[in-house]
Amino acid sequence: MIGQSKNFMGILKLIEKISHCITPVLIEGETGTGKE
């Protein structure tokens, strides 16, 4: 992933926190925002 903004880094920390969960996660966002 590429990015260094405060918001992006916050999302990366959140992903790291929840990455060990087995619960499905729905990622939402506008078209073209890179939700893959």
C-alpha atoms as a PDB file:
ATOM      1  CA  MET A   1       0.000   0.000   0.000  1.00  0.00           C
ATOM      2  CA  ILE A   2       1.140   3.499  -0.724  1.00  0.00           C
ATOM      3  CA  GLY A   3       0.366   6.516   1.412  1.00  0.00           C
ATOM      4  CA  GLN A   4       1.648   8.479   4.380  1.00  0.00           C
ATOM      5  CA  SER A   5      -1.214  10.769   5.386  1.00  0.00           C
ATOM      6  CA  LYS A   6      -2.392  10.794   8.999  1.00  0.00           C
ATOM      7  CA  ASN A   7      -5.742   9.285   8.017  1.00  0.00           C
ATOM      8  CA  PHE A   8      -4.143   6.508   5.967  1.00  0.00           C
ATOM      9  CA  MET A   9      -1.725   5.597   8.753  1.00  0.00           C
ATOM     10  CA  GLY A  10      -4.675   5.445  11.161  1.00  0.00           C
ATOM     11  CA  ILE A  11      -6.448   2.996   8.855  1.00  0.00           C
ATOM     12  CA  LEU A  12      -3.322   0.830   8.659  1.00  0.00           C
ATOM     13  CA  LYS A  13      -3.151   0.696  12.473  1.00  0.00           C
ATOM     14  CA  LEU A  14      -6.826  -0.261  12.618  1.00  0.00           C
ATOM     15  CA  ILE A  15      -6.285  -3.017  10.044  1.00  0.00           C
ATOM     16  CA  GLU A  16      -3.365  -4.332  12.087  1.00  0.00           C
ATOM     17  CA  LYS A  17      -5.563  -4.404  15.223  1.00  0.00           C
ATOM     18  CA  ILE A  18      -8.409  -6.331  13.616  1.00  0.00           C
ATOM     19  CA  SER A  19      -6.344  -8.565  11.324  1.00  0.00           C
ATOM     20  CA  HIS A  20      -6.404 -11.412  13.850  1.00  0.00           C
ATOM     21  CA  CYS A  21     -10.223 -11.504  13.973  1.00  0.00           C
ATOM     22  CA  ILE A  22     -12.089 -14.228  12.132  1.00  0.00           C
ATOM     23  CA  THR A  23     -15.170 -12.030  11.669  1.00  0.00           C
ATOM     24  CA  PRO A  24     -15.900 -10.886   8.092  1.00  0.00           C
ATOM     25  CA  VAL A  25     -15.327  -7.177   7.442  1.00  0.00           C
ATOM     26  CA  LEU A  26     -17.137  -5.036   4.859  1.00  0.00           C
ATOM     27  CA  ILE A  27     -14.988  -2.281   3.384  1.00  0.00           C
ATOM     28  CA  GLU A  28     -17.030   0.558   1.887  1.00  0.00           C
ATOM     29  CA  GLY A  29     -15.978   3.553  -0.144  1.00  0.00           C
ATOM     30  CA  GLU A  30     -16.516   5.482  -3.326  1.00  0.00           C
ATOM     31  CA  THR A  31     -15.606   4.048  -6.714  1.00  0.00           C
ATOM     32  CA  GLY A  32     -11.895   4.378  -7.469  1.00  0.00           C
ATOM     33  CA  THR A  33     -10.667   4.562  -3.866  1.00  0.00           C
ATOM     34  CA  GLY A  34      -8.758   1.239  -3.930  1.00  0.00           C
ATOM     35  CA  LYS A  35     -10.853  -1.054  -1.755  1.00  0.00           C
ATOM     36  CA  GLU A  36      -9.406  -4.242  -3.276  1.00  0.00           C
END
